[in-house]
Amino acid sequence: MPTPTILVDADACPVKDEIYRVAWRHEVAVKVVSNSRLRVPDHPLIERIVVSDGFDAADDWIAEAADAASVVITADILLADRALKAGAIVLGPNGKPFTMASIGPAIATRAIMADLRAGGDQIGGPPPFTKADRSQFLQALDSALVRLERG
């Protein structure tokens, strides 16, 4: 059975510290992928991956690395879709899982919002990140790793 790995779309990820704590508890490797050098703990389970600043370079690296033994952490809907198709478990930073059933409507909503913004409509961004989101994320990541460890 392949070893579980957490792949983090790190440039705007608000839960990196939580990811490290859960990974250490489960003894699972974490690959922190970004376009710029981010500070990561000096720990054998944590690997910093710095990709080029090319458009979607971090997403492309994560999508290539994702497989059925991966948990991908991202807020990027298109990356979530690619990771799901590779067999990965995908979680948003708020702990909400992306699934094959939910990704289609999420992509459609993303396209509608992009059209509204392109048309000049003033629409709000995502809601503020809360302590409840952080707590939900911790539970979701822990559950995902338990599922992977059990096979």
C-alpha atoms as a PDB file:
ATOM      1  CA  MET A   1       0.000   0.000   0.000  1.00  0.00           C
ATOM      2  CA  PRO A   2       1.445   3.413  -0.967  1.00  0.00           C
ATOM      3  CA  THR A   3       2.428   5.790   1.825  1.00  0.00           C
ATOM      4  CA  PRO A   4      -0.056   8.632   2.370  1.00  0.00           C
ATOM      5  CA  THR A   5       1.167  12.121   1.492  1.00  0.00           C
ATOM      6  CA  ILE A   6      -0.387  15.535   2.040  1.00  0.00           C
ATOM      7  CA  LEU A   7       0.054  17.917  -0.902  1.00  0.00           C
ATOM      8  CA  VAL A   8      -0.515  21.567   0.012  1.00  0.00           C
ATOM      9  CA  ASP A   9      -1.359  24.333  -2.472  1.00  0.00           C
ATOM     10  CA  ALA A  10       0.476  26.656  -0.129  1.00  0.00           C
ATOM     11  CA  ASP A  11       0.599  30.179  -1.550  1.00  0.00           C
ATOM     12  CA  ALA A  12      -2.672  31.271   0.078  1.00  0.00           C
ATOM     13  CA  CYS A  13      -3.305  28.383   2.483  1.00  0.00           C
ATOM     14  CA  PRO A  14      -4.451  29.611   5.928  1.00  0.00           C
ATOM     15  CA  VAL A  15      -4.127  26.212   7.650  1.00  0.00           C
ATOM     16  CA  LYS A  16      -0.490  25.227   7.126  1.00  0.00           C
ATOM     17  CA  ASP A  17       0.242  25.038  10.865  1.00  0.00           C
ATOM     18  CA  GLU A  18      -2.769  22.762  11.359  1.00  0.00           C
ATOM     19  CA  ILE A  19      -1.596  20.539   8.501  1.00  0.00           C
ATOM     20  CA  TYR A  20       1.822  20.126  10.122  1.00  0.00           C
ATOM     21  CA  ARG A  21       0.327  19.213  13.505  1.00  0.00           C
ATOM     22  CA  VAL A  22      -1.976  16.550  12.046  1.00  0.00           C
ATOM     23  CA  ALA A  23       0.790  15.198   9.795  1.00  0.00           C
ATOM     24  CA  TRP A  24       3.201  14.836  12.706  1.00  0.00           C
ATOM     25  CA  ARG A  25       0.560  13.014  14.745  1.00  0.00           C
ATOM     26  CA  HIS A  26      -0.068  10.570  11.880  1.00  0.00           C
ATOM     27  CA  GLU A  27       3.586  10.523  10.762  1.00  0.00           C
ATOM     28  CA  VAL A  28       2.602  11.482   7.212  1.00  0.00           C
ATOM     29  CA  ALA A  29       4.833  13.372   4.754  1.00  0.00           C
ATOM     30  CA  VAL A  30       3.786  16.868   3.684  1.00  0.00           C
ATOM     31  CA  LYS A  31       4.835  18.560   0.448  1.00  0.00           C
ATOM     32  CA  VAL A  32       4.318  22.329   0.667  1.00  0.00           C
ATOM     33  CA  VAL A  33       4.102  23.566  -2.937  1.00  0.00           C
ATOM     34  CA  SER A  34       4.385  27.264  -3.776  1.00  0.00           C
ATOM     35  CA  ASN A  35       5.668  29.743  -6.355  1.00  0.00           C
ATOM     36  CA  SER A  36       7.862  31.466  -3.784  1.00  0.00           C
ATOM     37  CA  ARG A  37       9.984  30.352  -0.877  1.00  0.00           C
ATOM     38  CA  LEU A  38       7.758  29.941   2.190  1.00  0.00           C
ATOM     39  CA  ARG A  39       8.919  29.275   5.718  1.00  0.00           C
ATOM     40  CA  VAL A  40       8.263  25.666   6.707  1.00  0.00           C
ATOM     41  CA  PRO A  41       9.245  23.772   9.853  1.00  0.00           C
ATOM     42  CA  ASP A  42      12.615  22.064   9.808  1.00  0.00           C
ATOM     43  CA  HIS A  43      11.262  18.543  10.128  1.00  0.00           C
ATOM     44  CA  PRO A  44      11.959  15.338   8.168  1.00  0.00           C
ATOM     45  CA  LEU A  45       8.268  14.938   7.239  1.00  0.00           C
ATOM     46  CA  ILE A  46       7.972  18.442   5.745  1.00  0.00           C
ATOM     47  CA  GLU A  47       9.316  19.183   2.260  1.00  0.00           C
ATOM     48  CA  ARG A  48       9.229  22.609   0.619  1.00  0.00           C
ATOM     49  CA  ILE A  49       8.672  22.476  -3.144  1.00  0.00           C
ATOM     50  CA  VAL A  50       9.253  25.793  -4.921  1.00  0.00           C
ATOM     51  CA  VAL A  51       8.071  25.787  -8.524  1.00  0.00           C
ATOM     52  CA  SER A  52       8.520  28.439 -11.204  1.00  0.00           C
ATOM     53  CA  ASP A  53       6.301  31.494 -11.081  1.00  0.00           C
ATOM     54  CA  GLY A  54       4.634  30.348 -14.303  1.00  0.00           C
ATOM     55  CA  PHE A  55       0.842  30.411 -14.430  1.00  0.00           C
ATOM     56  CA  ASP A  56      -0.542  27.337 -12.605  1.00  0.00           C
ATOM     57  CA  ALA A  57       2.965  25.888 -12.026  1.00  0.00           C
ATOM     58  CA  ALA A  58       2.121  24.896  -8.435  1.00  0.00           C
ATOM     59  CA  ASP A  59      -1.220  23.447  -9.534  1.00  0.00           C
ATOM     60  CA  ASP A  60       0.464  21.468 -12.310  1.00  0.00           C
ATOM     61  CA  TRP A  61       3.058  20.046  -9.882  1.00  0.00           C
ATOM     62  CA  ILE A  62       0.363  19.012  -7.394  1.00  0.00           C
ATOM     63  CA  ALA A  63      -1.890  17.516 -10.087  1.00  0.00           C
ATOM     64  CA  GLU A  64       1.035  15.439 -11.387  1.00  0.00           C
ATOM     65  CA  ALA A  65       1.933  14.209  -7.886  1.00  0.00           C
ATOM     66  CA  ALA A  66      -1.631  13.478  -6.741  1.00  0.00           C
ATOM     67  CA  ASP A  67      -2.788   9.882  -6.542  1.00  0.00           C
ATOM     68  CA  ALA A  68      -5.013   7.611  -4.454  1.00  0.00           C
ATOM     69  CA  ALA A  69      -2.599   7.886  -1.493  1.00  0.00           C
ATOM     70  CA  SER A  70      -2.735  11.701  -1.463  1.00  0.00           C
ATOM     71  CA  VAL A  71      -4.705  14.280   0.448  1.00  0.00           C
ATOM     72  CA  VAL A  72      -4.645  17.545  -1.494  1.00  0.00           C
ATOM     73  CA  ILE A  73      -5.350  20.788   0.368  1.00  0.00           C
ATOM     74  CA  THR A  74      -6.511  23.589  -1.943  1.00  0.00           C
ATOM     75  CA  ALA A  75      -9.138  26.261  -2.390  1.00  0.00           C
ATOM     76  CA  ASP A  76      -8.600  26.128  -6.175  1.00  0.00           C
ATOM     77  CA  ILE A  77     -11.624  24.433  -7.740  1.00  0.00           C
ATOM     78  CA  LEU A  78      -9.882  23.537 -11.000  1.00  0.00           C
ATOM     79  CA  LEU A  79      -6.942  21.977  -9.134  1.00  0.00           C
ATOM     80  CA  ALA A  80      -9.434  20.109  -6.920  1.00  0.00           C
ATOM     81  CA  ASP A  81     -11.029  18.675 -10.070  1.00  0.00           C
ATOM     82  CA  ARG A  82      -7.662  17.514 -11.426  1.00  0.00           C
ATOM     83  CA  ALA A  83      -6.675  15.964  -8.081  1.00  0.00           C
ATOM     84  CA  LEU A  84     -10.011  14.147  -7.752  1.00  0.00           C
ATOM     85  CA  LYS A  85      -9.562  12.711 -11.243  1.00  0.00           C
ATOM     86  CA  ALA A  86      -6.135  11.423 -10.095  1.00  0.00           C
ATOM     87  CA  GLY A  87      -7.855   9.595  -7.212  1.00  0.00           C
ATOM     88  CA  ALA A  88      -6.825  11.935  -4.370  1.00  0.00           C
ATOM     89  CA  ILE A  89      -8.887  13.016  -1.387  1.00  0.00           C
ATOM     90  CA  VAL A  90      -9.320  16.792  -1.720  1.00  0.00           C
ATOM     91  CA  LEU A  91     -10.117  19.216   1.097  1.00  0.00           C
ATOM     92  CA  GLY A  92     -10.637  22.951   1.083  1.00  0.00           C
ATOM     93  CA  PRO A  93      -8.920  24.965   3.829  1.00  0.00           C
ATOM     94  CA  ASN A  94     -12.303  25.199   5.571  1.00  0.00           C
ATOM     95  CA  GLY A  95     -12.459  21.401   5.808  1.00  0.00           C
ATOM     96  CA  LYS A  96     -15.150  20.947   3.184  1.00  0.00           C
ATOM     97  CA  PRO A  97     -14.320  18.003   0.963  1.00  0.00           C
ATOM     98  CA  PHE A  98     -14.401  18.287  -2.799  1.00  0.00           C
ATOM     99  CA  THR A  99     -16.026  15.167  -4.243  1.00  0.00           C
ATOM    100  CA  MET A 100     -16.858  13.925  -7.718  1.00  0.00           C
ATOM    101  CA  ALA A 101     -20.485  14.802  -6.928  1.00  0.00           C
ATOM    102  CA  SER A 102     -19.727  18.367  -5.776  1.00  0.00           C
ATOM    103  CA  ILE A 103     -16.990  19.416  -8.196  1.00  0.00           C
ATOM    104  CA  GLY A 104     -19.212  19.914 -11.271  1.00  0.00           C
ATOM    105  CA  PRO A 105     -21.530  22.423  -9.561  1.00  0.00           C
ATOM    106  CA  ALA A 106     -18.501  24.145  -7.985  1.00  0.00           C
ATOM    107  CA  ILE A 107     -16.879  24.593 -11.415  1.00  0.00           C
ATOM    108  CA  ALA A 108     -20.162  25.919 -12.828  1.00  0.00           C
ATOM    109  CA  THR A 109     -20.539  28.424  -9.969  1.00  0.00           C
ATOM    110  CA  ARG A 110     -16.931  29.523 -10.466  1.00  0.00           C
ATOM    111  CA  ALA A 111     -17.625  30.196 -14.160  1.00  0.00           C
ATOM    112  CA  ILE A 112     -20.791  32.181 -13.383  1.00  0.00           C
ATOM    113  CA  MET A 113     -18.954  34.310 -10.812  1.00  0.00           C
ATOM    114  CA  ALA A 114     -16.115  34.946 -13.283  1.00  0.00           C
ATOM    115  CA  ASP A 115     -18.667  36.077 -15.896  1.00  0.00           C
ATOM    116  CA  LEU A 116     -20.313  38.418 -13.387  1.00  0.00           C
ATOM    117  CA  ARG A 117     -16.955  39.932 -12.431  1.00  0.00           C
ATOM    118  CA  ALA A 118     -15.999  40.306 -16.103  1.00  0.00           C
ATOM    119  CA  GLY A 119     -19.287  42.143 -16.662  1.00  0.00           C
ATOM    120  CA  GLY A 120     -18.356  44.670 -14.001  1.00  0.00           C
ATOM    121  CA  ASP A 121     -20.634  43.378 -11.264  1.00  0.00           C
ATOM    122  CA  GLN A 122     -19.386  44.034  -7.741  1.00  0.00           C
ATOM    123  CA  ILE A 123     -19.601  40.732  -5.918  1.00  0.00           C
ATOM    124  CA  GLY A 124     -18.100  39.854  -2.586  1.00  0.00           C
ATOM    125  CA  GLY A 125     -15.322  37.364  -2.096  1.00  0.00           C
ATOM    126  CA  PRO A 126     -15.454  34.318   0.094  1.00  0.00           C
ATOM    127  CA  PRO A 127     -16.635  34.728   3.685  1.00  0.00           C
ATOM    128  CA  PRO A 128     -13.965  35.463   6.307  1.00  0.00           C
ATOM    129  CA  PHE A 129     -12.034  32.457   7.605  1.00  0.00           C
ATOM    130  CA  THR A 130     -13.256  31.538  11.106  1.00  0.00           C
ATOM    131  CA  LYS A 131     -12.183  29.464  14.097  1.00  0.00           C
ATOM    132  CA  ALA A 132     -15.018  27.073  13.183  1.00  0.00           C
ATOM    133  CA  ASP A 133     -13.498  26.664   9.691  1.00  0.00           C
ATOM    134  CA  ARG A 134     -10.124  25.872  11.274  1.00  0.00           C
ATOM    135  CA  SER A 135     -11.718  23.312  13.617  1.00  0.00           C
ATOM    136  CA  GLN A 136     -13.700  21.715  10.776  1.00  0.00           C
ATOM    137  CA  PHE A 137     -10.502  21.502   8.726  1.00  0.00           C
ATOM    138  CA  LEU A 138      -8.607  19.733  11.531  1.00  0.00           C
ATOM    139  CA  GLN A 139     -11.372  17.134  11.869  1.00  0.00           C
ATOM    140  CA  ALA A 140     -11.645  16.623   8.105  1.00  0.00           C
ATOM    141  CA  LEU A 141      -7.889  16.167   7.614  1.00  0.00           C
ATOM    142  CA  ASP A 142      -7.647  13.767  10.545  1.00  0.00           C
ATOM    143  CA  SER A 143     -10.567  11.720   9.160  1.00  0.00           C
ATOM    144  CA  ALA A 144      -9.072  11.676   5.651  1.00  0.00           C
ATOM    145  CA  LEU A 145      -5.735  10.387   6.949  1.00  0.00           C
ATOM    146  CA  VAL A 146      -7.450   7.700   9.050  1.00  0.00           C
ATOM    147  CA  ARG A 147      -9.337   6.563   5.897  1.00  0.00           C
ATOM    148  CA  LEU A 148      -6.081   6.389   3.907  1.00  0.00           C
ATOM    149  CA  GLU A 149      -4.245   4.526   6.680  1.00  0.00           C
ATOM    150  CA  ARG A 150      -7.012   1.920   6.847  1.00  0.00           C
ATOM    151  CA  GLY A 151      -6.847   1.436   3.082  1.00  0.00           C
END
